[in-house]
Amino acid sequence: MGAQRMLGACRLQQVDTTPVWFMRQAGRCFQEYRDLREKYDILTIAKTPELSADVTLLPVDQLGVDAAVMFADIMLPLDGMGIPFHIEPETGPIIEDPIRTEAQIDAIRVIDAVEATPFLFDAIRIIRERLGDRSALVGFSGSPFTLACYMIEGKPSRTYDKAKGLMLSRPELWHRLMEKTTEVVIRYLREQIVTGVEVVQIFDSWVGVLSPQQYQSFVTPYLSRIFSAIRDTGVPSIHFGTGNASLIDLMNAVGPDIMSFDWRVDLDAAWAQIGYDKGVQGNLDPVLLLAPWEAIQDGVRDVLRRAQGRPGHIFNLGHGVLPETNPDDLKRIVDLVHEDGRK
């Protein structure tokens, strides 16, 4: 039921009610996940198929969401590329030897996705067997730009000045890095699709640091290639960014089926801007979920009002679920969206 609803909305079909899921729904706000984290670190969970499957299915079982998103990390492909990393709690991904030289870029490997991350595909098979048609399975990848930002900076940043500095001062190195990373992402996503994911989302989390001209010169060719490769599979694609209001038209032009908006834009205005031949996802502010239920309810209904019941709206947050969020409120949101979003 939920899978049909989610996939129908992705294809702009009339469905019984608005589908809903939440980015970062698999984990942090659930006590069961916190208990698991006392035993295992994030990468151990992501790289252990049974554990990854358990966490992926947790919000489906407890919230009734219409999509299950793989419990993974956008950095997982870097292992296969020959770029070691680890994740520090409260900080994020850390690369001890950041990629900043021609020799380092030349040394990056592009290998078969199954060889690079076999555990992920094992997890997909387990999840599909256990999931049935309750929810659609969403696979994902970081965009080449966002992955390049981490590779060059070596850690999360507010400005990504080192990444942008290399991009602007050594464009030939930038394009060489993007060529390799794009091929890795295409192989990674296509293998996810072959194995069983039903929707894919590209996370361009840090794209908001770019100007429109920079995006067009240094990102557009690579995202266009990725979305073209996904389109050939027939699986719907979602493009997500944050702080990217000035880039909406350019991000839409690279070819996703659905644009996912953060809370910094009004959903109705953004949808009108890209055209109603595209689906939209979003866009409740995740911080609102820390407010009293009356405020959350008003925010949910405002998003639904702006969507106006058009085919192609997937209710979601404008970014990920915050750890402090009460899972009971997430369940109430799912129920409210399903009730008020009935066609």
C-alpha atoms as a PDB file:
ATOM      1  CA  MET A   1       0.000   0.000   0.000  1.00  0.00           C
ATOM      2  CA  GLY A   2       2.599   2.571   1.071  1.00  0.00           C
ATOM      3  CA  ALA A   3       4.924   1.548  -1.752  1.00  0.00           C
ATOM      4  CA  GLN A   4       2.183   2.065  -4.345  1.00  0.00           C
ATOM      5  CA  ARG A   5       1.359   5.468  -2.840  1.00  0.00           C
ATOM      6  CA  MET A   6       4.985   6.637  -2.828  1.00  0.00           C
ATOM      7  CA  LEU A   7       5.784   5.372  -6.320  1.00  0.00           C
ATOM      8  CA  GLY A   8       2.546   6.747  -7.724  1.00  0.00           C
ATOM      9  CA  ALA A   9       3.325  10.207  -6.367  1.00  0.00           C
ATOM     10  CA  CYS A  10       6.843  10.009  -7.815  1.00  0.00           C
ATOM     11  CA  ARG A  11       5.238   9.463 -11.227  1.00  0.00           C
ATOM     12  CA  LEU A  12       2.683  12.294 -10.768  1.00  0.00           C
ATOM     13  CA  GLN A  13      -0.201   9.834 -10.564  1.00  0.00           C
ATOM     14  CA  GLN A  14      -3.329  10.402  -8.513  1.00  0.00           C
ATOM     15  CA  VAL A  15      -2.951   8.438  -5.265  1.00  0.00           C
ATOM     16  CA  ASP A  16      -5.301   7.891  -2.320  1.00  0.00           C
ATOM     17  CA  THR A  17      -3.443  10.303  -0.039  1.00  0.00           C
ATOM     18  CA  THR A  18      -0.183  12.213   0.239  1.00  0.00           C
ATOM     19  CA  PRO A  19       2.796   9.899   0.892  1.00  0.00           C
ATOM     20  CA  VAL A  20       5.121  10.805   3.761  1.00  0.00           C
ATOM     21  CA  TRP A  21       8.572   9.845   4.960  1.00  0.00           C
ATOM     22  CA  PHE A  22      11.354  11.690   6.789  1.00  0.00           C
ATOM     23  CA  MET A  23      15.000  12.142   5.923  1.00  0.00           C
ATOM     24  CA  ARG A  24      17.149  10.576   8.680  1.00  0.00           C
ATOM     25  CA  GLN A  25      14.068   8.724   9.918  1.00  0.00           C
ATOM     26  CA  ALA A  26      16.111   5.551  10.359  1.00  0.00           C
ATOM     27  CA  GLY A  27      17.798   6.030  13.659  1.00  0.00           C
ATOM     28  CA  ARG A  28      18.609   8.851  15.917  1.00  0.00           C
ATOM     29  CA  CYS A  29      15.309   9.665  17.610  1.00  0.00           C
ATOM     30  CA  PHE A  30      14.430   6.034  18.414  1.00  0.00           C
ATOM     31  CA  GLN A  31      15.425   4.502  21.740  1.00  0.00           C
ATOM     32  CA  GLU A  32      15.979   1.164  19.966  1.00  0.00           C
ATOM     33  CA  TYR A  33      18.568   2.805  17.743  1.00  0.00           C
ATOM     34  CA  ARG A  34      20.272   4.531  20.664  1.00  0.00           C
ATOM     35  CA  ASP A  35      20.495   1.181  22.431  1.00  0.00           C
ATOM     36  CA  LEU A  36      22.101  -0.286  19.310  1.00  0.00           C
ATOM     37  CA  ARG A  37      24.593   2.596  19.169  1.00  0.00           C
ATOM     38  CA  GLU A  38      25.800   1.708  22.658  1.00  0.00           C
ATOM     39  CA  LYS A  39      27.048  -1.563  21.174  1.00  0.00           C
ATOM     40  CA  TYR A  40      28.127  -0.542  17.665  1.00  0.00           C
ATOM     41  CA  ASP A  41      29.417   2.558  15.880  1.00  0.00           C
ATOM     42  CA  ILE A  42      27.562   3.992  12.885  1.00  0.00           C
ATOM     43  CA  LEU A  43      29.770   2.409  10.237  1.00  0.00           C
ATOM     44  CA  THR A  44      29.549  -1.019  11.854  1.00  0.00           C
ATOM     45  CA  ILE A  45      25.743  -0.818  11.696  1.00  0.00           C
ATOM     46  CA  ALA A  46      25.835   0.447   8.095  1.00  0.00           C
ATOM     47  CA  LYS A  47      28.248  -2.317   7.052  1.00  0.00           C
ATOM     48  CA  THR A  48      26.399  -5.173   8.794  1.00  0.00           C
ATOM     49  CA  PRO A  49      23.467  -6.098   6.526  1.00  0.00           C
ATOM     50  CA  GLU A  50      21.159  -7.463   9.223  1.00  0.00           C
ATOM     51  CA  LEU A  51      21.719  -4.435  11.476  1.00  0.00           C
ATOM     52  CA  SER A  52      21.289  -2.006   8.582  1.00  0.00           C
ATOM     53  CA  ALA A  53      18.049  -3.747   7.644  1.00  0.00           C
ATOM     54  CA  ASP A  54      16.745  -3.614  11.229  1.00  0.00           C
ATOM     55  CA  VAL A  55      17.344   0.137  11.489  1.00  0.00           C
ATOM     56  CA  THR A  56      15.998   0.823   7.987  1.00  0.00           C
ATOM     57  CA  LEU A  57      12.723  -0.920   8.857  1.00  0.00           C
ATOM     58  CA  LEU A  58      12.333   0.634  12.316  1.00  0.00           C
ATOM     59  CA  PRO A  59      10.363   3.726  11.145  1.00  0.00           C
ATOM     60  CA  VAL A  60       8.244   1.618   8.794  1.00  0.00           C
ATOM     61  CA  ASP A  61       7.203  -0.607  11.681  1.00  0.00           C
ATOM     62  CA  GLN A  62       6.690   2.178  14.216  1.00  0.00           C
ATOM     63  CA  LEU A  63       5.576   5.205  12.168  1.00  0.00           C
ATOM     64  CA  GLY A  64       3.824   3.774   9.116  1.00  0.00           C
ATOM     65  CA  VAL A  65       5.825   5.905   6.663  1.00  0.00           C
ATOM     66  CA  ASP A  66       5.396   5.269   2.944  1.00  0.00           C
ATOM     67  CA  ALA A  67       9.127   4.993   2.204  1.00  0.00           C
ATOM     68  CA  ALA A  68      11.983   3.163   3.892  1.00  0.00           C
ATOM     69  CA  VAL A  69      15.326   4.871   3.338  1.00  0.00           C
ATOM     70  CA  MET A  70      18.472   2.774   3.485  1.00  0.00           C
ATOM     71  CA  PHE A  71      20.442   3.108   6.699  1.00  0.00           C
ATOM     72  CA  ALA A  72      23.801   3.956   5.168  1.00  0.00           C
ATOM     73  CA  ASP A  73      26.188   6.891   4.977  1.00  0.00           C
ATOM     74  CA  ILE A  74      26.929   9.009   1.931  1.00  0.00           C
ATOM     75  CA  MET A  75      30.631   8.356   2.513  1.00  0.00           C
ATOM     76  CA  LEU A  76      30.428   4.585   1.971  1.00  0.00           C
ATOM     77  CA  PRO A  77      31.666   4.667  -1.669  1.00  0.00           C
ATOM     78  CA  LEU A  78      34.947   6.240  -0.530  1.00  0.00           C
ATOM     79  CA  ASP A  79      36.232   2.905   0.766  1.00  0.00           C
ATOM     80  CA  GLY A  80      36.156   1.485  -2.738  1.00  0.00           C
ATOM     81  CA  MET A  81      37.816   4.629  -4.054  1.00  0.00           C
ATOM     82  CA  GLY A  82      40.786   3.977  -1.769  1.00  0.00           C
ATOM     83  CA  ILE A  83      40.058   6.932   0.519  1.00  0.00           C
ATOM     84  CA  PRO A  84      39.977   5.840   4.194  1.00  0.00           C
ATOM     85  CA  PHE A  85      37.626   7.721   6.510  1.00  0.00           C
ATOM     86  CA  HIS A  86      35.988   7.394   9.885  1.00  0.00           C
ATOM     87  CA  ILE A  87      33.024   9.076  11.543  1.00  0.00           C
ATOM     88  CA  GLU A  88      33.402  10.963  14.787  1.00  0.00           C
ATOM     89  CA  PRO A  89      30.213  11.306  16.853  1.00  0.00           C
ATOM     90  CA  GLU A  90      28.923  14.902  16.965  1.00  0.00           C
ATOM     91  CA  THR A  91      31.419  15.899  14.242  1.00  0.00           C
ATOM     92  CA  GLY A  92      30.866  13.742  11.174  1.00  0.00           C
ATOM     93  CA  PRO A  93      33.107  12.169   8.521  1.00  0.00           C
ATOM     94  CA  ILE A  94      36.861  12.626   8.929  1.00  0.00           C
ATOM     95  CA  ILE A  95      39.451  11.948   6.198  1.00  0.00           C
ATOM     96  CA  GLU A  96      42.934  12.038   7.685  1.00  0.00           C
ATOM     97  CA  ASP A  97      44.643  12.541   4.307  1.00  0.00           C
ATOM     98  CA  PRO A  98      42.422  14.977   2.345  1.00  0.00           C
ATOM     99  CA  ILE A  99      42.491  14.873  -1.459  1.00  0.00           C
ATOM    100  CA  ARG A 100      44.284  18.008  -2.686  1.00  0.00           C
ATOM    101  CA  THR A 101      46.960  16.993  -5.194  1.00  0.00           C
ATOM    102  CA  GLU A 102      47.078  15.664  -8.720  1.00  0.00           C
ATOM    103  CA  ALA A 103      48.773  12.463  -7.542  1.00  0.00           C
ATOM    104  CA  GLN A 104      46.027  11.801  -4.986  1.00  0.00           C
ATOM    105  CA  ILE A 105      43.298  12.282  -7.587  1.00  0.00           C
ATOM    106  CA  ASP A 106      45.095  10.005 -10.054  1.00  0.00           C
ATOM    107  CA  ALA A 107      45.297   7.322  -7.343  1.00  0.00           C
ATOM    108  CA  ILE A 108      41.521   7.264  -6.767  1.00  0.00           C
ATOM    109  CA  ARG A 109      40.078   3.919  -7.835  1.00  0.00           C
ATOM    110  CA  VAL A 110      36.885   3.398  -9.840  1.00  0.00           C
ATOM    111  CA  ILE A 111      35.821  -0.207  -9.251  1.00  0.00           C
ATOM    112  CA  ASP A 112      32.676  -2.311  -9.482  1.00  0.00           C
ATOM    113  CA  ALA A 113      30.087  -1.171  -6.936  1.00  0.00           C
ATOM    114  CA  VAL A 114      29.503  -4.689  -5.603  1.00  0.00           C
ATOM    115  CA  GLU A 115      33.208  -5.032  -4.906  1.00  0.00           C
ATOM    116  CA  ALA A 116      33.306  -1.613  -3.232  1.00  0.00           C
ATOM    117  CA  THR A 117      30.280  -1.970  -0.919  1.00  0.00           C
ATOM    118  CA  PRO A 118      28.997  -5.573  -0.968  1.00  0.00           C
ATOM    119  CA  PHE A 119      27.321  -5.188   2.439  1.00  0.00           C
ATOM    120  CA  LEU A 120      24.963  -2.494   1.120  1.00  0.00           C
ATOM    121  CA  PHE A 121      23.535  -4.736  -1.572  1.00  0.00           C
ATOM    122  CA  ASP A 122      23.146  -7.607   0.878  1.00  0.00           C
ATOM    123  CA  ALA A 123      21.161  -5.242   3.109  1.00  0.00           C
ATOM    124  CA  ILE A 124      18.921  -4.188   0.197  1.00  0.00           C
ATOM    125  CA  ARG A 125      18.021  -7.807  -0.510  1.00  0.00           C
ATOM    126  CA  ILE A 126      17.159  -8.450   3.144  1.00  0.00           C
ATOM    127  CA  ILE A 127      15.050  -5.295   3.380  1.00  0.00           C
ATOM    128  CA  ARG A 128      13.079  -5.989   0.207  1.00  0.00           C
ATOM    129  CA  GLU A 129      12.247  -9.464   1.470  1.00  0.00           C
ATOM    130  CA  ARG A 130      11.014  -8.121   4.811  1.00  0.00           C
ATOM    131  CA  LEU A 131       9.397  -4.927   3.521  1.00  0.00           C
ATOM    132  CA  GLY A 132       6.888  -6.268   1.026  1.00  0.00           C
ATOM    133  CA  ASP A 133       4.659  -3.509  -0.332  1.00  0.00           C
ATOM    134  CA  ARG A 134       4.326  -1.679   2.989  1.00  0.00           C
ATOM    135  CA  SER A 135       6.710   1.052   1.829  1.00  0.00           C
ATOM    136  CA  ALA A 136       8.902   1.884  -1.148  1.00  0.00           C
ATOM    137  CA  LEU A 137      12.639   1.410  -0.631  1.00  0.00           C
ATOM    138  CA  VAL A 138      14.676   4.582  -1.187  1.00  0.00           C
ATOM    139  CA  GLY A 139      18.373   4.296  -2.032  1.00  0.00           C
ATOM    140  CA  PHE A 140      20.670   7.263  -2.150  1.00  0.00           C
ATOM    141  CA  SER A 141      24.081   8.731  -2.762  1.00  0.00           C
ATOM    142  CA  GLY A 142      25.870  11.933  -2.007  1.00  0.00           C
ATOM    143  CA  SER A 143      26.323  14.070  -5.105  1.00  0.00           C
ATOM    144  CA  PRO A 144      29.801  14.302  -6.641  1.00  0.00           C
ATOM    145  CA  PHE A 145      30.008  17.896  -5.383  1.00  0.00           C
ATOM    146  CA  THR A 146      29.159  17.034  -1.785  1.00  0.00           C
ATOM    147  CA  LEU A 147      31.470  14.011  -1.799  1.00  0.00           C
ATOM    148  CA  ALA A 148      34.263  16.144  -3.296  1.00  0.00           C
ATOM    149  CA  CYS A 149      33.738  18.723  -0.546  1.00  0.00           C
ATOM    150  CA  TYR A 150      34.324  16.082   2.124  1.00  0.00           C
ATOM    151  CA  MET A 151      37.274  14.580   0.257  1.00  0.00           C
ATOM    152  CA  ILE A 152      39.047  17.912  -0.112  1.00  0.00           C
ATOM    153  CA  GLU A 153      38.201  19.450   3.270  1.00  0.00           C
ATOM    154  CA  GLY A 154      38.767  16.246   5.216  1.00  0.00           C
ATOM    155  CA  LYS A 155      35.893  17.116   7.564  1.00  0.00           C
ATOM    156  CA  PRO A 156      32.586  19.025   7.648  1.00  0.00           C
ATOM    157  CA  SER A 157      32.879  22.766   7.107  1.00  0.00           C
ATOM    158  CA  ARG A 158      30.648  25.824   7.086  1.00  0.00           C
ATOM    159  CA  THR A 159      32.216  27.407   4.018  1.00  0.00           C
ATOM    160  CA  TYR A 160      34.039  24.591   2.180  1.00  0.00           C
ATOM    161  CA  ASP A 161      36.678  27.146   1.293  1.00  0.00           C
ATOM    162  CA  LYS A 162      39.371  24.549   0.557  1.00  0.00           C
ATOM    163  CA  ALA A 163      37.075  22.681  -1.825  1.00  0.00           C
ATOM    164  CA  LYS A 164      35.950  25.862  -3.535  1.00  0.00           C
ATOM    165  CA  GLY A 165      39.527  27.106  -3.565  1.00  0.00           C
ATOM    166  CA  LEU A 166      40.711  24.044  -5.482  1.00  0.00           C
ATOM    167  CA  MET A 167      37.686  24.269  -7.773  1.00  0.00           C
ATOM    168  CA  LEU A 168      38.394  27.888  -8.686  1.00  0.00           C
ATOM    169  CA  SER A 169      42.205  27.863  -8.724  1.00  0.00           C
ATOM    170  CA  ARG A 170      42.795  24.416 -10.247  1.00  0.00           C
ATOM    171  CA  PRO A 171      39.698  23.700 -12.363  1.00  0.00           C
ATOM    172  CA  GLU A 172      41.476  20.952 -14.297  1.00  0.00           C
ATOM    173  CA  LEU A 173      42.019  19.026 -11.041  1.00  0.00           C
ATOM    174  CA  TRP A 174      38.467  19.679  -9.964  1.00  0.00           C
ATOM    175  CA  HIS A 175      37.062  18.265 -13.200  1.00  0.00           C
ATOM    176  CA  ARG A 176      39.334  15.228 -12.971  1.00  0.00           C
ATOM    177  CA  LEU A 177      38.062  14.534  -9.465  1.00  0.00           C
ATOM    178  CA  MET A 178      34.445  15.075 -10.512  1.00  0.00           C
ATOM    179  CA  GLU A 179      34.812  12.726 -13.502  1.00  0.00           C
ATOM    180  CA  LYS A 180      35.963   9.878 -11.268  1.00  0.00           C
ATOM    181  CA  THR A 181      33.437  10.596  -8.522  1.00  0.00           C
ATOM    182  CA  THR A 182      30.581  10.807 -11.017  1.00  0.00           C
ATOM    183  CA  GLU A 183      31.425   7.393 -12.443  1.00  0.00           C
ATOM    184  CA  VAL A 184      31.528   5.950  -8.915  1.00  0.00           C
ATOM    185  CA  VAL A 185      28.113   7.463  -8.075  1.00  0.00           C
ATOM    186  CA  ILE A 186      26.535   6.165 -11.282  1.00  0.00           C
ATOM    187  CA  ARG A 187      27.794   2.631 -10.657  1.00  0.00           C
ATOM    188  CA  TYR A 188      26.713   2.826  -7.007  1.00  0.00           C
ATOM    189  CA  LEU A 189      23.168   3.978  -7.764  1.00  0.00           C
ATOM    190  CA  ARG A 190      22.581   1.697 -10.734  1.00  0.00           C
ATOM    191  CA  GLU A 191      23.651  -1.316  -8.665  1.00  0.00           C
ATOM    192  CA  GLN A 192      21.271  -0.261  -5.894  1.00  0.00           C
ATOM    193  CA  ILE A 193      18.488  -0.171  -8.475  1.00  0.00           C
ATOM    194  CA  VAL A 194      19.417  -3.562  -9.916  1.00  0.00           C
ATOM    195  CA  THR A 195      19.426  -5.022  -6.389  1.00  0.00           C
ATOM    196  CA  GLY A 196      16.010  -3.658  -5.491  1.00  0.00           C
ATOM    197  CA  VAL A 197      15.689   0.014  -4.491  1.00  0.00           C
ATOM    198  CA  GLU A 198      12.608   1.636  -6.009  1.00  0.00           C
ATOM    199  CA  VAL A 199      13.493   5.332  -5.725  1.00  0.00           C
ATOM    200  CA  VAL A 200      16.878   7.061  -5.501  1.00  0.00           C
ATOM    201  CA  GLN A 201      17.751  10.394  -3.935  1.00  0.00           C
ATOM    202  CA  ILE A 202      20.843  12.482  -4.605  1.00  0.00           C
ATOM    203  CA  PHE A 203      21.929  14.442  -1.537  1.00  0.00           C
ATOM    204  CA  ASP A 204      23.628  17.692  -2.560  1.00  0.00           C
ATOM    205  CA  SER A 205      23.812  18.855   1.021  1.00  0.00           C
ATOM    206  CA  TRP A 206      26.463  21.545   0.609  1.00  0.00           C
ATOM    207  CA  VAL A 207      25.547  22.892  -2.821  1.00  0.00           C
ATOM    208  CA  GLY A 208      24.202  26.096  -1.260  1.00  0.00           C
ATOM    209  CA  VAL A 209      27.777  27.432  -0.955  1.00  0.00           C
ATOM    210  CA  LEU A 210      27.933  27.858  -4.749  1.00  0.00           C
ATOM    211  CA  SER A 211      26.830  30.741  -6.943  1.00  0.00           C
ATOM    212  CA  PRO A 212      24.618  29.949  -9.947  1.00  0.00           C
ATOM    213  CA  GLN A 213      27.559  30.472 -12.309  1.00  0.00           C
ATOM    214  CA  GLN A 214      29.782  28.154 -10.254  1.00  0.00           C
ATOM    215  CA  TYR A 215      27.078  25.498 -10.186  1.00  0.00           C
ATOM    216  CA  GLN A 216      26.613  25.668 -13.942  1.00  0.00           C
ATOM    217  CA  SER A 217      30.346  25.452 -14.654  1.00  0.00           C
ATOM    218  CA  PHE A 218      31.482  22.937 -12.050  1.00  0.00           C
ATOM    219  CA  VAL A 219      28.460  20.784 -11.172  1.00  0.00           C
ATOM    220  CA  THR A 220      25.819  20.757 -13.919  1.00  0.00           C
ATOM    221  CA  PRO A 221      27.639  18.462 -16.384  1.00  0.00           C
ATOM    222  CA  TYR A 222      28.110  15.762 -13.764  1.00  0.00           C
ATOM    223  CA  LEU A 223      24.614  15.825 -12.250  1.00  0.00           C
ATOM    224  CA  SER A 224      23.093  15.781 -15.736  1.00  0.00           C
ATOM    225  CA  ARG A 225      25.055  12.629 -16.493  1.00  0.00           C
ATOM    226  CA  ILE A 226      23.935  10.952 -13.261  1.00  0.00           C
ATOM    227  CA  PHE A 227      20.242  11.722 -13.672  1.00  0.00           C
ATOM    228  CA  SER A 228      20.390  10.576 -17.282  1.00  0.00           C
ATOM    229  CA  ALA A 229      21.881   7.253 -16.136  1.00  0.00           C
ATOM    230  CA  ILE A 230      19.105   6.871 -13.546  1.00  0.00           C
ATOM    231  CA  ARG A 231      16.387   7.792 -16.042  1.00  0.00           C
ATOM    232  CA  ASP A 232      17.484   4.925 -18.275  1.00  0.00           C
ATOM    233  CA  THR A 233      16.504   2.490 -15.480  1.00  0.00           C
ATOM    234  CA  GLY A 234      12.942   3.785 -15.166  1.00  0.00           C
ATOM    235  CA  VAL A 235      13.369   4.344 -11.408  1.00  0.00           C
ATOM    236  CA  PRO A 236      12.219   7.766 -10.077  1.00  0.00           C
ATOM    237  CA  SER A 237      14.901  10.170  -8.876  1.00  0.00           C
ATOM    238  CA  ILE A 238      14.847  12.908  -6.224  1.00  0.00           C
ATOM    239  CA  HIS A 239      17.279  15.837  -6.057  1.00  0.00           C
ATOM    240  CA  PHE A 240      17.839  17.367  -2.605  1.00  0.00           C
ATOM    241  CA  GLY A 241      19.839  20.404  -1.521  1.00  0.00           C
ATOM    242  CA  THR A 242      19.816  22.944   1.296  1.00  0.00           C
ATOM    243  CA  GLY A 243      20.297  26.709   1.274  1.00  0.00           C
ATOM    244  CA  ASN A 244      19.929  26.496  -2.491  1.00  0.00           C
ATOM    245  CA  ALA A 245      17.085  28.905  -3.329  1.00  0.00           C
ATOM    246  CA  SER A 246      19.220  30.660  -5.970  1.00  0.00           C
ATOM    247  CA  LEU A 247      20.000  27.314  -7.638  1.00  0.00           C
ATOM    248  CA  ILE A 248      16.516  25.809  -7.914  1.00  0.00           C
ATOM    249  CA  ASP A 249      16.166  26.303 -11.675  1.00  0.00           C
ATOM    250  CA  LEU A 250      19.657  24.949 -12.365  1.00  0.00           C
ATOM    251  CA  MET A 251      19.177  21.945 -10.083  1.00  0.00           C
ATOM    252  CA  ASN A 252      15.845  21.191 -11.711  1.00  0.00           C
ATOM    253  CA  ALA A 253      17.403  21.442 -15.177  1.00  0.00           C
ATOM    254  CA  VAL A 254      19.840  18.551 -14.572  1.00  0.00           C
ATOM    255  CA  GLY A 255      16.934  16.150 -14.862  1.00  0.00           C
ATOM    256  CA  PRO A 256      15.476  14.772 -11.590  1.00  0.00           C
ATOM    257  CA  ASP A 257      11.868  13.583 -11.453  1.00  0.00           C
ATOM    258  CA  ILE A 258      11.274  15.215  -8.068  1.00  0.00           C
ATOM    259  CA  MET A 259      12.813  18.301  -6.485  1.00  0.00           C
ATOM    260  CA  SER A 260      13.148  18.181  -2.693  1.00  0.00           C
ATOM    261  CA  PHE A 261      13.024  21.621  -1.064  1.00  0.00           C
ATOM    262  CA  ASP A 262      14.214  22.828   2.314  1.00  0.00           C
ATOM    263  CA  TRP A 263      12.123  25.131   4.518  1.00  0.00           C
ATOM    264  CA  ARG A 264      13.776  28.311   3.228  1.00  0.00           C
ATOM    265  CA  VAL A 265      11.401  28.424   0.269  1.00  0.00           C
ATOM    266  CA  ASP A 266       7.605  28.300   0.099  1.00  0.00           C
ATOM    267  CA  LEU A 267       6.548  24.987  -1.409  1.00  0.00           C
ATOM    268  CA  ASP A 268       3.840  26.497  -3.630  1.00  0.00           C
ATOM    269  CA  ALA A 269       6.143  29.173  -5.056  1.00  0.00           C
ATOM    270  CA  ALA A 270       8.967  26.697  -5.647  1.00  0.00           C
ATOM    271  CA  TRP A 271       6.647  24.214  -7.374  1.00  0.00           C
ATOM    272  CA  ALA A 272       5.259  26.924  -9.630  1.00  0.00           C
ATOM    273  CA  GLN A 273       8.846  27.942 -10.421  1.00  0.00           C
ATOM    274  CA  ILE A 274       9.969  24.501 -11.612  1.00  0.00           C
ATOM    275  CA  GLY A 275       6.661  23.625 -13.267  1.00  0.00           C
ATOM    276  CA  TYR A 276       3.924  21.154 -12.395  1.00  0.00           C
ATOM    277  CA  ASP A 277       5.373  18.523 -14.717  1.00  0.00           C
ATOM    278  CA  LYS A 278       7.818  17.761 -11.887  1.00  0.00           C
ATOM    279  CA  GLY A 279       7.067  16.307  -8.475  1.00  0.00           C
ATOM    280  CA  VAL A 280       8.109  18.007  -5.238  1.00  0.00           C
ATOM    281  CA  GLN A 281       9.159  16.788  -1.814  1.00  0.00           C
ATOM    282  CA  GLY A 282       9.166  18.626   1.467  1.00  0.00           C
ATOM    283  CA  ASN A 283       9.399  20.867   3.215  1.00  0.00           C
ATOM    284  CA  LEU A 284       8.637  21.213   6.938  1.00  0.00           C
ATOM    285  CA  ASP A 285      11.377  22.784   9.062  1.00  0.00           C
ATOM    286  CA  PRO A 286      12.793  19.934  11.220  1.00  0.00           C
ATOM    287  CA  VAL A 287      13.257  22.342  14.146  1.00  0.00           C
ATOM    288  CA  LEU A 288       9.488  22.827  14.248  1.00  0.00           C
ATOM    289  CA  LEU A 289       9.226  19.230  15.467  1.00  0.00           C
ATOM    290  CA  LEU A 290      10.735  20.381  18.774  1.00  0.00           C
ATOM    291  CA  ALA A 291       7.778  22.742  19.334  1.00  0.00           C
ATOM    292  CA  PRO A 292       4.389  21.889  20.904  1.00  0.00           C
ATOM    293  CA  TRP A 293       2.066  19.705  18.824  1.00  0.00           C
ATOM    294  CA  GLU A 294      -0.260  22.602  17.971  1.00  0.00           C
ATOM    295  CA  ALA A 295       2.608  24.402  16.184  1.00  0.00           C
ATOM    296  CA  ILE A 296       3.698  21.204  14.417  1.00  0.00           C
ATOM    297  CA  GLN A 297       0.139  20.573  13.270  1.00  0.00           C
ATOM    298  CA  ASP A 298      -0.160  24.091  11.857  1.00  0.00           C
ATOM    299  CA  GLY A 299       3.137  23.667   9.988  1.00  0.00           C
ATOM    300  CA  VAL A 300       2.098  20.330   8.487  1.00  0.00           C
ATOM    301  CA  ARG A 301      -1.228  21.734   7.333  1.00  0.00           C
ATOM    302  CA  ASP A 302       0.485  24.778   5.825  1.00  0.00           C
ATOM    303  CA  VAL A 303       2.714  22.536   3.688  1.00  0.00           C
ATOM    304  CA  LEU A 304      -0.313  20.495   2.574  1.00  0.00           C
ATOM    305  CA  ARG A 305      -2.245  23.660   1.800  1.00  0.00           C
ATOM    306  CA  ARG A 306       0.573  24.917  -0.403  1.00  0.00           C
ATOM    307  CA  ALA A 307       0.710  21.583  -2.259  1.00  0.00           C
ATOM    308  CA  GLN A 308      -3.028  21.985  -2.999  1.00  0.00           C
ATOM    309  CA  GLY A 309      -3.524  18.249  -3.408  1.00  0.00           C
ATOM    310  CA  ARG A 310      -1.714  18.174  -6.746  1.00  0.00           C
ATOM    311  CA  PRO A 311      -0.381  14.791  -7.869  1.00  0.00           C
ATOM    312  CA  GLY A 312       3.340  14.570  -7.215  1.00  0.00           C
ATOM    313  CA  HIS A 313       3.727  15.888  -3.658  1.00  0.00           C
ATOM    314  CA  ILE A 314       5.715  13.780  -1.175  1.00  0.00           C
ATOM    315  CA  PHE A 315       5.552  15.145   2.367  1.00  0.00           C
ATOM    316  CA  ASN A 316       8.947  15.303   4.072  1.00  0.00           C
ATOM    317  CA  LEU A 317      11.095  17.610   6.154  1.00  0.00           C
ATOM    318  CA  GLY A 318      13.384  20.238   4.692  1.00  0.00           C
ATOM    319  CA  HIS A 319      16.349  18.298   6.111  1.00  0.00           C
ATOM    320  CA  GLY A 320      16.890  15.399   8.515  1.00  0.00           C
ATOM    321  CA  VAL A 321      15.069  14.450  11.710  1.00  0.00           C
ATOM    322  CA  LEU A 322      16.829  15.975  14.725  1.00  0.00           C
ATOM    323  CA  PRO A 323      17.903  13.547  17.489  1.00  0.00           C
ATOM    324  CA  GLU A 324      15.758  15.327  20.075  1.00  0.00           C
ATOM    325  CA  THR A 325      12.566  14.745  18.073  1.00  0.00           C
ATOM    326  CA  ASN A 326       9.829  12.772  19.818  1.00  0.00           C
ATOM    327  CA  PRO A 327       8.957   9.689  17.709  1.00  0.00           C
ATOM    328  CA  ASP A 328       5.352  10.044  18.874  1.00  0.00           C
ATOM    329  CA  ASP A 329       5.176  13.386  17.065  1.00  0.00           C
ATOM    330  CA  LEU A 330       6.532  11.790  13.897  1.00  0.00           C
ATOM    331  CA  LYS A 331       3.758   9.180  14.104  1.00  0.00           C
ATOM    332  CA  ARG A 332       1.168  11.917  14.606  1.00  0.00           C
ATOM    333  CA  ILE A 333       2.528  13.731  11.548  1.00  0.00           C
ATOM    334  CA  VAL A 334       2.237  10.576   9.430  1.00  0.00           C
ATOM    335  CA  ASP A 335      -1.361  10.086  10.560  1.00  0.00           C
ATOM    336  CA  LEU A 336      -2.198  13.764   9.980  1.00  0.00           C
ATOM    337  CA  VAL A 337      -0.711  13.803   6.485  1.00  0.00           C
ATOM    338  CA  HIS A 338      -2.547  10.621   5.559  1.00  0.00           C
ATOM    339  CA  GLU A 339      -5.821  12.021   6.917  1.00  0.00           C
ATOM    340  CA  ASP A 340      -5.638  15.581   5.577  1.00  0.00           C
ATOM    341  CA  GLY A 341      -3.882  14.607   2.356  1.00  0.00           C
ATOM    342  CA  ARG A 342      -6.672  12.320   1.135  1.00  0.00           C
ATOM    343  CA  LYS A 343      -7.600  13.000  -2.470  1.00  0.00           C
END
